[in-house]
Amino acid sequence: MTSTQPATAPALEQLLKGAALAGEWTLDPARSAVSLHSRSIGGLVRVNGVFRDVSGEGSVSASGEVSGTITVAAASVDTKNARRDAHLRSADFFDSDTYPAITFTVSGIRPAGQGVTVTGALTVRDCARPLAFDSTAVVQENAEVRLDAEVDVNRADFGLTWNRLGLVSMENTIAVHAVFTRR
């Protein structure tokens, strides 16, 4: 299958069940991105950041079962504001000296709608929470898979509750553009 358009659920189902995607996959960090979007000052100011250090791997069994992990280095957060970045790395937020990695462990992918539903667990500061979200999927010649998703998370679920004067939103959006290639 060669496509630059998102694959439909039936097409993805056929690729997974037909073992076309079976094998080991590696995240291409040069073409992948994980970013963070939040609001502060009562929702008036949008804060955007990107994690500069992203890695990952995945596995697809012959029967179509998918597992894997995406890892971001918490200290690699970059909002283009050195003072804010230092605060995000501190114990008030990511505590990147103590908890250097933020991970999403994939327990399954199921074709649904115009893409896939991804299930797994997000771990921040050693606090793991189940997470499921929809993603578009593009498969190119069965040698590259691109997943794109926006995931809403409440940072309080992970113990990140610092909020001076209640001006910082607890709701955040994590945008993921993940490009996997065969090993």
N, C-alpha and C. Protein backbone atom coordinates (compact mmCIF):
# COMPACT_ATOMS: atom_id res chain seq x y z
N MET A 1 0.85 -1.17 0.00
CA MET A 1 0.00 0.00 0.00
C MET A 1 0.89 1.24 0.00
N THR A 2 0.70 2.12 -0.94
CA THR A 2 1.42 3.37 -1.00
C THR A 2 0.41 4.49 -0.89
N SER A 3 0.62 5.39 0.08
CA SER A 3 -0.33 6.47 0.27
C SER A 3 0.30 7.61 1.03
N THR A 4 -0.15 8.80 0.73
CA THR A 4 0.21 9.95 1.53
C THR A 4 -1.02 10.49 2.25
N GLN A 5 -2.14 9.80 2.08
CA GLN A 5 -3.39 10.15 2.72
C GLN A 5 -3.63 9.22 3.91
N PRO A 6 -4.33 9.69 4.94
CA PRO A 6 -4.64 8.80 6.07
C PRO A 6 -5.39 7.55 5.59
N ALA A 7 -5.02 6.41 6.14
CA ALA A 7 -5.65 5.14 5.80
C ALA A 7 -6.97 5.00 6.54
N THR A 8 -7.91 4.35 5.91
CA THR A 8 -9.20 4.08 6.54
C THR A 8 -9.08 2.86 7.43
N ALA A 9 -10.04 2.72 8.32
CA ALA A 9 -10.04 1.57 9.24
C ALA A 9 -10.01 0.24 8.50
N PRO A 10 -10.84 0.04 7.46
CA PRO A 10 -10.78 -1.26 6.76
C PRO A 10 -9.41 -1.54 6.13
N ALA A 11 -8.77 -0.50 5.57
CA ALA A 11 -7.45 -0.71 4.96
C ALA A 11 -6.42 -1.06 6.03
N LEU A 12 -6.48 -0.37 7.16
CA LEU A 12 -5.55 -0.68 8.25
C LEU A 12 -5.79 -2.07 8.82
N GLU A 13 -7.05 -2.43 8.96
CA GLU A 13 -7.40 -3.77 9.45
C GLU A 13 -6.78 -4.83 8.53
N GLN A 14 -6.89 -4.63 7.23
CA GLN A 14 -6.34 -5.57 6.27
C GLN A 14 -4.82 -5.67 6.39
N LEU A 15 -4.14 -4.53 6.56
CA LEU A 15 -2.68 -4.52 6.71
C LEU A 15 -2.24 -5.23 7.99
N LEU A 16 -2.97 -4.99 9.08
CA LEU A 16 -2.61 -5.60 10.36
C LEU A 16 -2.89 -7.10 10.35
N LYS A 17 -4.08 -7.47 9.96
CA LYS A 17 -4.46 -8.89 9.99
C LYS A 17 -3.75 -9.69 8.91
N GLY A 18 -3.37 -9.03 7.82
CA GLY A 18 -2.67 -9.71 6.73
C GLY A 18 -1.17 -9.81 6.94
N ALA A 19 -0.70 -9.35 8.07
CA ALA A 19 0.71 -9.42 8.48
C ALA A 19 1.63 -8.53 7.63
N ALA A 20 1.06 -7.62 6.82
CA ALA A 20 1.89 -6.74 6.00
C ALA A 20 2.76 -5.82 6.86
N LEU A 21 2.30 -5.51 8.05
CA LEU A 21 3.05 -4.61 8.93
C LEU A 21 3.81 -5.36 10.02
N ALA A 22 3.77 -6.69 10.01
CA ALA A 22 4.43 -7.48 11.04
C ALA A 22 5.93 -7.20 11.04
N GLY A 23 6.48 -7.08 12.24
CA GLY A 23 7.91 -6.87 12.39
C GLY A 23 8.24 -5.84 13.44
N GLU A 24 9.49 -5.44 13.46
CA GLU A 24 9.99 -4.47 14.43
C GLU A 24 10.10 -3.11 13.77
N TRP A 25 9.72 -2.07 14.51
CA TRP A 25 9.70 -0.70 14.00
C TRP A 25 10.47 0.22 14.93
N THR A 26 11.08 1.27 14.37
CA THR A 26 11.82 2.24 15.15
C THR A 26 11.29 3.64 14.84
N LEU A 27 11.14 4.46 15.87
CA LEU A 27 10.73 5.84 15.69
C LEU A 27 11.89 6.63 15.08
N ASP A 28 11.61 7.39 14.04
CA ASP A 28 12.62 8.24 13.42
C ASP A 28 12.58 9.59 14.13
N PRO A 29 13.54 9.87 15.03
CA PRO A 29 13.48 11.10 15.82
C PRO A 29 13.65 12.37 14.98
N ALA A 30 14.32 12.26 13.84
CA ALA A 30 14.53 13.44 13.00
C ALA A 30 13.24 13.88 12.31
N ARG A 31 12.30 12.96 12.13
CA ARG A 31 11.05 13.29 11.44
C ARG A 31 9.83 13.20 12.35
N SER A 32 10.05 12.99 13.63
CA SER A 32 8.96 12.88 14.60
C SER A 32 9.00 14.08 15.54
N ALA A 33 7.86 14.39 16.15
CA ALA A 33 7.80 15.51 17.08
C ALA A 33 6.72 15.27 18.13
N VAL A 34 7.03 15.68 19.36
CA VAL A 34 6.06 15.68 20.44
C VAL A 34 6.05 17.10 21.00
N SER A 35 4.88 17.72 20.97
CA SER A 35 4.79 19.10 21.45
C SER A 35 3.71 19.21 22.51
N LEU A 36 3.77 20.31 23.24
CA LEU A 36 2.89 20.56 24.38
C LEU A 36 2.26 21.92 24.20
N HIS A 37 0.95 22.00 24.43
CA HIS A 37 0.22 23.26 24.31
C HIS A 37 -0.62 23.45 25.57
N SER A 38 -0.53 24.65 26.14
CA SER A 38 -1.27 24.96 27.35
C SER A 38 -1.65 26.43 27.32
N ARG A 39 -2.43 26.83 28.31
CA ARG A 39 -2.81 28.24 28.44
C ARG A 39 -2.45 28.72 29.84
N SER A 40 -2.05 29.98 29.93
CA SER A 40 -1.77 30.57 31.23
C SER A 40 -2.42 31.95 31.30
N ILE A 41 -2.27 32.60 32.41
CA ILE A 41 -2.87 33.90 32.69
C ILE A 41 -4.36 33.86 32.35
N GLY A 42 -5.04 32.94 33.03
CA GLY A 42 -6.49 32.84 32.88
C GLY A 42 -6.93 32.42 31.50
N GLY A 43 -6.08 31.74 30.74
CA GLY A 43 -6.43 31.28 29.41
C GLY A 43 -6.12 32.27 28.30
N LEU A 44 -5.58 33.41 28.64
CA LEU A 44 -5.31 34.44 27.64
C LEU A 44 -4.03 34.21 26.85
N VAL A 45 -3.05 33.56 27.45
CA VAL A 45 -1.76 33.36 26.80
C VAL A 45 -1.58 31.88 26.49
N ARG A 46 -1.34 31.58 25.23
CA ARG A 46 -1.09 30.20 24.82
C ARG A 46 0.41 29.93 24.94
N VAL A 47 0.75 28.83 25.61
CA VAL A 47 2.14 28.42 25.77
C VAL A 47 2.35 27.18 24.92
N ASN A 48 3.35 27.24 24.04
CA ASN A 48 3.68 26.12 23.17
C ASN A 48 5.10 25.67 23.46
N GLY A 49 5.31 24.39 23.45
CA GLY A 49 6.64 23.86 23.64
C GLY A 49 6.82 22.58 22.85
N VAL A 50 8.06 22.21 22.65
CA VAL A 50 8.38 20.97 21.96
C VAL A 50 9.43 20.23 22.79
N PHE A 51 9.35 18.92 22.75
CA PHE A 51 10.38 18.09 23.39
C PHE A 51 11.40 17.75 22.31
N ARG A 52 12.64 18.17 22.52
CA ARG A 52 13.68 18.02 21.49
C ARG A 52 14.28 16.62 21.42
N ASP A 53 14.08 15.80 22.45
CA ASP A 53 14.69 14.46 22.49
C ASP A 53 13.58 13.43 22.59
N VAL A 54 13.29 12.76 21.46
CA VAL A 54 12.20 11.78 21.36
C VAL A 54 12.76 10.48 20.79
N SER A 55 12.35 9.35 21.36
CA SER A 55 12.76 8.05 20.83
C SER A 55 11.59 7.08 20.95
N GLY A 56 11.70 5.94 20.29
CA GLY A 56 10.62 4.97 20.40
C GLY A 56 10.86 3.74 19.56
N GLU A 57 10.03 2.76 19.82
CA GLU A 57 10.09 1.49 19.10
C GLU A 57 8.72 0.85 19.16
N GLY A 58 8.50 -0.06 18.23
CA GLY A 58 7.23 -0.76 18.21
C GLY A 58 7.39 -2.13 17.60
N SER A 59 6.36 -2.93 17.82
CA SER A 59 6.36 -4.29 17.29
C SER A 59 4.94 -4.63 16.85
N VAL A 60 4.85 -5.25 15.69
CA VAL A 60 3.56 -5.72 15.18
C VAL A 60 3.70 -7.23 14.96
N SER A 61 2.84 -8.00 15.63
CA SER A 61 2.89 -9.46 15.49
C SER A 61 2.23 -9.87 14.17
N ALA A 62 2.45 -11.10 13.78
CA ALA A 62 1.83 -11.64 12.56
C ALA A 62 0.31 -11.62 12.64
N SER A 63 -0.24 -11.65 13.86
CA SER A 63 -1.70 -11.62 14.01
C SER A 63 -2.24 -10.20 14.13
N GLY A 64 -1.34 -9.18 14.06
CA GLY A 64 -1.79 -7.79 14.07
C GLY A 64 -1.78 -7.11 15.42
N GLU A 65 -1.24 -7.78 16.45
CA GLU A 65 -1.14 -7.15 17.77
C GLU A 65 0.00 -6.13 17.76
N VAL A 66 -0.26 -4.95 18.31
CA VAL A 66 0.72 -3.87 18.30
C VAL A 66 1.12 -3.52 19.72
N SER A 67 2.42 -3.31 19.93
CA SER A 67 2.93 -2.83 21.22
C SER A 67 4.11 -1.92 20.93
N GLY A 68 4.49 -1.11 21.91
CA GLY A 68 5.63 -0.25 21.71
C GLY A 68 5.72 0.82 22.78
N THR A 69 6.71 1.69 22.63
CA THR A 69 6.95 2.77 23.58
C THR A 69 7.46 3.99 22.85
N ILE A 70 6.95 5.15 23.26
CA ILE A 70 7.51 6.43 22.84
C ILE A 70 8.02 7.11 24.11
N THR A 71 9.27 7.58 24.07
CA THR A 71 9.89 8.20 25.23
C THR A 71 10.37 9.60 24.86
N VAL A 72 10.07 10.55 25.73
CA VAL A 72 10.61 11.90 25.56
C VAL A 72 11.45 12.23 26.80
N ALA A 73 12.55 12.90 26.57
CA ALA A 73 13.37 13.36 27.69
C ALA A 73 12.71 14.60 28.26
N ALA A 74 12.32 14.54 29.53
CA ALA A 74 11.61 15.66 30.17
C ALA A 74 12.45 16.94 30.13
N ALA A 75 13.76 16.82 30.26
CA ALA A 75 14.63 18.00 30.26
C ALA A 75 14.76 18.63 28.88
N SER A 76 14.25 17.97 27.85
CA SER A 76 14.40 18.51 26.49
C SER A 76 13.26 19.46 26.11
N VAL A 77 12.39 19.79 27.07
CA VAL A 77 11.29 20.71 26.78
C VAL A 77 11.85 22.07 26.38
N ASP A 78 11.29 22.64 25.31
CA ASP A 78 11.76 23.92 24.79
C ASP A 78 10.55 24.77 24.42
N THR A 79 10.32 25.84 25.19
CA THR A 79 9.22 26.76 24.91
C THR A 79 9.74 28.09 24.36
N LYS A 80 11.02 28.14 24.05
CA LYS A 80 11.69 29.35 23.57
C LYS A 80 11.72 30.45 24.64
N ASN A 81 11.66 30.02 25.91
CA ASN A 81 11.77 30.93 27.04
C ASN A 81 12.58 30.20 28.11
N ALA A 82 13.86 30.54 28.24
CA ALA A 82 14.78 29.81 29.12
C ALA A 82 14.29 29.76 30.56
N ARG A 83 13.74 30.85 31.05
CA ARG A 83 13.27 30.87 32.44
C ARG A 83 12.08 29.91 32.63
N ARG A 84 11.13 29.95 31.70
CA ARG A 84 9.99 29.04 31.78
C ARG A 84 10.45 27.58 31.63
N ASP A 85 11.38 27.33 30.71
CA ASP A 85 11.88 25.96 30.52
C ASP A 85 12.53 25.44 31.79
N ALA A 86 13.31 26.27 32.46
CA ALA A 86 13.94 25.86 33.72
C ALA A 86 12.88 25.55 34.77
N HIS A 87 11.81 26.34 34.80
CA HIS A 87 10.73 26.07 35.75
C HIS A 87 10.01 24.76 35.41
N LEU A 88 9.78 24.50 34.12
CA LEU A 88 9.14 23.25 33.72
C LEU A 88 9.99 22.03 34.08
N ARG A 89 11.30 22.18 34.05
CA ARG A 89 12.21 21.08 34.41
C ARG A 89 12.31 20.89 35.92
N SER A 90 11.89 21.88 36.69
CA SER A 90 12.02 21.86 38.15
C SER A 90 11.03 20.90 38.81
N ALA A 91 11.15 20.77 40.12
CA ALA A 91 10.25 19.90 40.90
C ALA A 91 8.80 20.39 40.88
N ASP A 92 8.56 21.65 40.52
CA ASP A 92 7.18 22.14 40.40
C ASP A 92 6.43 21.44 39.27
N PHE A 93 7.17 20.99 38.24
CA PHE A 93 6.53 20.36 37.09
C PHE A 93 7.13 18.98 36.83
N PHE A 94 8.00 18.87 35.82
CA PHE A 94 8.49 17.55 35.40
C PHE A 94 9.52 16.94 36.34
N ASP A 95 10.23 17.74 37.14
CA ASP A 95 11.29 17.26 38.02
C ASP A 95 12.22 16.33 37.23
N SER A 96 12.75 16.89 36.14
CA SER A 96 13.51 16.09 35.18
C SER A 96 14.80 15.51 35.74
N ASP A 97 15.35 16.06 36.82
CA ASP A 97 16.53 15.45 37.43
C ASP A 97 16.18 14.12 38.09
N THR A 98 15.01 14.05 38.70
CA THR A 98 14.57 12.82 39.37
C THR A 98 13.86 11.87 38.42
N TYR A 99 13.07 12.43 37.49
CA TYR A 99 12.27 11.65 36.54
C TYR A 99 12.63 12.08 35.12
N PRO A 100 13.71 11.55 34.58
CA PRO A 100 14.21 12.06 33.29
C PRO A 100 13.34 11.72 32.07
N ALA A 101 12.49 10.70 32.17
CA ALA A 101 11.73 10.28 30.99
C ALA A 101 10.23 10.38 31.21
N ILE A 102 9.56 10.79 30.16
CA ILE A 102 8.10 10.72 30.06
C ILE A 102 7.84 9.66 29.00
N THR A 103 7.02 8.66 29.33
CA THR A 103 6.82 7.56 28.38
C THR A 103 5.35 7.31 28.11
N PHE A 104 5.09 6.87 26.90
CA PHE A 104 3.78 6.33 26.56
C PHE A 104 4.03 4.92 26.08
N THR A 105 3.45 3.96 26.79
CA THR A 105 3.59 2.55 26.45
C THR A 105 2.31 2.09 25.76
N VAL A 106 2.45 1.70 24.52
CA VAL A 106 1.31 1.27 23.71
C VAL A 106 0.97 -0.18 24.04
N SER A 107 -0.30 -0.40 24.37
CA SER A 107 -0.74 -1.78 24.61
C SER A 107 -1.58 -2.30 23.45
N GLY A 108 -2.02 -1.41 22.56
CA GLY A 108 -2.78 -1.87 21.42
C GLY A 108 -3.17 -0.73 20.49
N ILE A 109 -3.41 -1.11 19.25
CA ILE A 109 -3.92 -0.20 18.24
C ILE A 109 -5.06 -0.92 17.53
N ARG A 110 -6.17 -0.22 17.42
CA ARG A 110 -7.35 -0.82 16.80
C ARG A 110 -7.85 0.13 15.71
N PRO A 111 -7.99 -0.37 14.46
CA PRO A 111 -8.56 0.47 13.41
C PRO A 111 -9.94 0.97 13.83
N ALA A 112 -10.18 2.26 13.59
CA ALA A 112 -11.46 2.86 13.96
C ALA A 112 -11.66 4.13 13.14
N GLY A 113 -12.84 4.33 12.65
CA GLY A 113 -13.17 5.55 11.91
C GLY A 113 -12.21 5.81 10.78
N GLN A 114 -11.60 6.98 10.79
CA GLN A 114 -10.66 7.37 9.74
C GLN A 114 -9.21 7.14 10.15
N GLY A 115 -8.96 6.22 11.06
CA GLY A 115 -7.60 5.95 11.50
C GLY A 115 -7.55 4.82 12.49
N VAL A 116 -6.95 5.09 13.64
CA VAL A 116 -6.80 4.07 14.67
C VAL A 116 -7.11 4.67 16.04
N THR A 117 -7.48 3.80 16.95
CA THR A 117 -7.55 4.16 18.37
C THR A 117 -6.36 3.51 19.04
N VAL A 118 -5.55 4.32 19.69
CA VAL A 118 -4.35 3.86 20.37
C VAL A 118 -4.65 3.77 21.86
N THR A 119 -4.30 2.65 22.48
CA THR A 119 -4.49 2.49 23.92
C THR A 119 -3.14 2.20 24.57
N GLY A 120 -3.02 2.62 25.82
CA GLY A 120 -1.78 2.38 26.54
C GLY A 120 -1.77 3.11 27.85
N ALA A 121 -0.56 3.46 28.31
CA ALA A 121 -0.40 4.16 29.58
C ALA A 121 0.64 5.27 29.41
N LEU A 122 0.29 6.46 29.90
CA LEU A 122 1.21 7.58 29.92
C LEU A 122 1.81 7.66 31.31
N THR A 123 3.14 7.75 31.37
CA THR A 123 3.83 7.84 32.65
C THR A 123 4.61 9.15 32.73
N VAL A 124 4.26 9.94 33.74
CA VAL A 124 4.95 11.20 34.02
C VAL A 124 5.28 11.19 35.50
N ARG A 125 6.54 11.44 35.84
CA ARG A 125 7.00 11.44 37.24
C ARG A 125 6.63 10.13 37.95
N ASP A 126 6.83 9.02 37.29
CA ASP A 126 6.53 7.68 37.81
C ASP A 126 5.06 7.45 38.13
N CYS A 127 4.19 8.29 37.61
CA CYS A 127 2.75 8.13 37.78
C CYS A 127 2.16 7.72 36.44
N ALA A 128 1.69 6.47 36.36
CA ALA A 128 1.15 5.94 35.11
C ALA A 128 -0.37 6.01 35.12
N ARG A 129 -0.94 6.48 34.03
CA ARG A 129 -2.39 6.56 33.88
C ARG A 129 -2.77 5.97 32.53
N PRO A 130 -3.86 5.19 32.49
CA PRO A 130 -4.31 4.67 31.19
C PRO A 130 -4.73 5.83 30.28
N LEU A 131 -4.50 5.63 29.00
CA LEU A 131 -4.82 6.67 28.04
C LEU A 131 -5.21 6.02 26.72
N ALA A 132 -6.27 6.52 26.12
CA ALA A 132 -6.69 6.08 24.79
C ALA A 132 -7.00 7.32 23.98
N PHE A 133 -6.62 7.29 22.71
CA PHE A 133 -6.86 8.44 21.84
C PHE A 133 -6.92 7.98 20.38
N ASP A 134 -7.56 8.82 19.58
CA ASP A 134 -7.67 8.55 18.15
C ASP A 134 -6.48 9.19 17.43
N SER A 135 -6.05 8.54 16.36
CA SER A 135 -4.92 9.02 15.58
C SER A 135 -5.17 8.74 14.11
N THR A 136 -4.67 9.62 13.26
CA THR A 136 -4.66 9.28 11.84
C THR A 136 -3.43 8.41 11.60
N ALA A 137 -3.48 7.62 10.55
CA ALA A 137 -2.37 6.74 10.21
C ALA A 137 -2.15 6.78 8.70
N VAL A 138 -0.89 6.93 8.31
CA VAL A 138 -0.50 6.88 6.91
C VAL A 138 0.54 5.78 6.79
N VAL A 139 0.31 4.85 5.87
CA VAL A 139 1.24 3.75 5.64
C VAL A 139 1.82 3.92 4.24
N GLN A 140 3.14 3.95 4.15
CA GLN A 140 3.80 4.10 2.85
C GLN A 140 4.59 2.84 2.53
N GLU A 141 4.13 2.13 1.53
CA GLU A 141 4.79 0.93 1.03
C GLU A 141 5.15 -0.06 2.12
N ASN A 142 4.34 -0.11 3.17
CA ASN A 142 4.53 -1.04 4.28
C ASN A 142 5.90 -0.93 4.93
N ALA A 143 6.62 0.17 4.65
CA ALA A 143 7.95 0.36 5.24
C ALA A 143 8.01 1.59 6.13
N GLU A 144 6.94 2.39 6.13
CA GLU A 144 6.88 3.57 6.97
C GLU A 144 5.44 3.78 7.42
N VAL A 145 5.28 4.08 8.70
CA VAL A 145 3.97 4.37 9.27
C VAL A 145 4.07 5.70 9.99
N ARG A 146 3.14 6.62 9.67
CA ARG A 146 3.07 7.91 10.35
C ARG A 146 1.77 7.98 11.12
N LEU A 147 1.88 8.34 12.38
CA LEU A 147 0.71 8.53 13.25
C LEU A 147 0.68 9.99 13.71
N ASP A 148 -0.50 10.60 13.64
CA ASP A 148 -0.67 11.98 14.10
C ASP A 148 -1.87 12.04 15.03
N ALA A 149 -1.65 12.66 16.19
CA ALA A 149 -2.74 12.74 17.18
C ALA A 149 -2.57 13.98 18.04
N GLU A 150 -3.69 14.44 18.56
CA GLU A 150 -3.70 15.45 19.61
C GLU A 150 -4.41 14.82 20.80
N VAL A 151 -3.75 14.85 21.94
CA VAL A 151 -4.23 14.17 23.13
C VAL A 151 -4.41 15.19 24.25
N ASP A 152 -5.59 15.26 24.81
CA ASP A 152 -5.84 16.16 25.94
C ASP A 152 -5.56 15.44 27.24
N VAL A 153 -4.77 16.06 28.10
CA VAL A 153 -4.46 15.49 29.41
C VAL A 153 -4.60 16.57 30.48
N ASN A 154 -4.95 16.13 31.68
CA ASN A 154 -5.00 17.01 32.83
C ASN A 154 -3.72 16.74 33.63
N ARG A 155 -2.86 17.73 33.73
CA ARG A 155 -1.57 17.51 34.39
C ARG A 155 -1.70 17.15 35.86
N ALA A 156 -2.81 17.51 36.49
CA ALA A 156 -3.03 17.14 37.89
C ALA A 156 -3.11 15.63 38.06
N ASP A 157 -3.54 14.92 37.00
CA ASP A 157 -3.60 13.45 37.05
C ASP A 157 -2.22 12.83 37.29
N PHE A 158 -1.17 13.61 37.04
CA PHE A 158 0.20 13.12 37.17
C PHE A 158 0.96 13.82 38.30
N GLY A 159 0.22 14.51 39.15
CA GLY A 159 0.83 15.18 40.29
C GLY A 159 1.46 16.52 39.97
N LEU A 160 1.24 17.06 38.79
CA LEU A 160 1.78 18.36 38.40
C LEU A 160 0.73 19.42 38.71
N THR A 161 0.69 19.83 39.97
CA THR A 161 -0.40 20.70 40.43
C THR A 161 0.02 22.13 40.70
N TRP A 162 1.30 22.47 40.49
CA TRP A 162 1.73 23.85 40.72
C TRP A 162 0.86 24.78 39.89
N ASN A 163 0.35 25.84 40.53
CA ASN A 163 -0.55 26.75 39.82
C ASN A 163 -0.66 28.05 40.60
N ARG A 164 0.36 28.87 40.52
CA ARG A 164 0.37 30.13 41.25
C ARG A 164 -0.84 30.97 40.87
N LEU A 165 -1.63 31.31 41.87
CA LEU A 165 -2.81 32.16 41.73
C LEU A 165 -3.87 31.59 40.79
N GLY A 166 -3.77 30.31 40.45
CA GLY A 166 -4.76 29.69 39.59
C GLY A 166 -4.74 30.20 38.16
N LEU A 167 -3.62 30.74 37.72
CA LEU A 167 -3.55 31.35 36.39
C LEU A 167 -3.10 30.39 35.29
N VAL A 168 -2.65 29.20 35.66
CA VAL A 168 -2.15 28.25 34.68
C VAL A 168 -3.16 27.12 34.51
N SER A 169 -3.53 26.83 33.28
CA SER A 169 -4.50 25.78 33.00
C SER A 169 -3.96 24.41 33.40
N MET A 170 -4.83 23.60 33.96
CA MET A 170 -4.46 22.22 34.26
C MET A 170 -4.63 21.33 33.02
N GLU A 171 -5.41 21.81 32.06
CA GLU A 171 -5.64 21.06 30.82
C GLU A 171 -4.54 21.38 29.82
N ASN A 172 -3.97 20.36 29.23
CA ASN A 172 -2.91 20.50 28.25
C ASN A 172 -3.21 19.61 27.06
N THR A 173 -2.68 20.00 25.92
CA THR A 173 -2.79 19.18 24.72
C THR A 173 -1.39 18.75 24.31
N ILE A 174 -1.23 17.46 24.10
CA ILE A 174 0.02 16.92 23.60
C ILE A 174 -0.21 16.54 22.15
N ALA A 175 0.58 17.11 21.26
CA ALA A 175 0.49 16.78 19.84
C ALA A 175 1.64 15.84 19.50
N VAL A 176 1.31 14.76 18.81
CA VAL A 176 2.30 13.76 18.46
C VAL A 176 2.31 13.56 16.95
N HIS A 177 3.49 13.65 16.37
CA HIS A 177 3.71 13.27 14.98
C HIS A 177 4.81 12.21 15.05
N ALA A 178 4.44 10.97 14.89
CA ALA A 178 5.38 9.85 15.04
C ALA A 178 5.58 9.15 13.70
N VAL A 179 6.82 9.06 13.27
CA VAL A 179 7.18 8.38 12.03
C VAL A 179 7.98 7.14 12.41
N PHE A 180 7.43 5.98 12.09
CA PHE A 180 8.10 4.71 12.37
C PHE A 180 8.58 4.09 11.06
N THR A 181 9.78 3.53 11.10
CA THR A 181 10.33 2.82 9.94
C THR A 181 10.72 1.41 10.38
N ARG A 182 10.74 0.50 9.42
CA ARG A 182 11.14 -0.89 9.74
C ARG A 182 12.60 -0.93 10.14
N ARG A 183 12.86 -1.82 11.11
CA ARG A 183 14.27 -2.02 11.52
C ARG A 183 14.95 -2.90 10.53
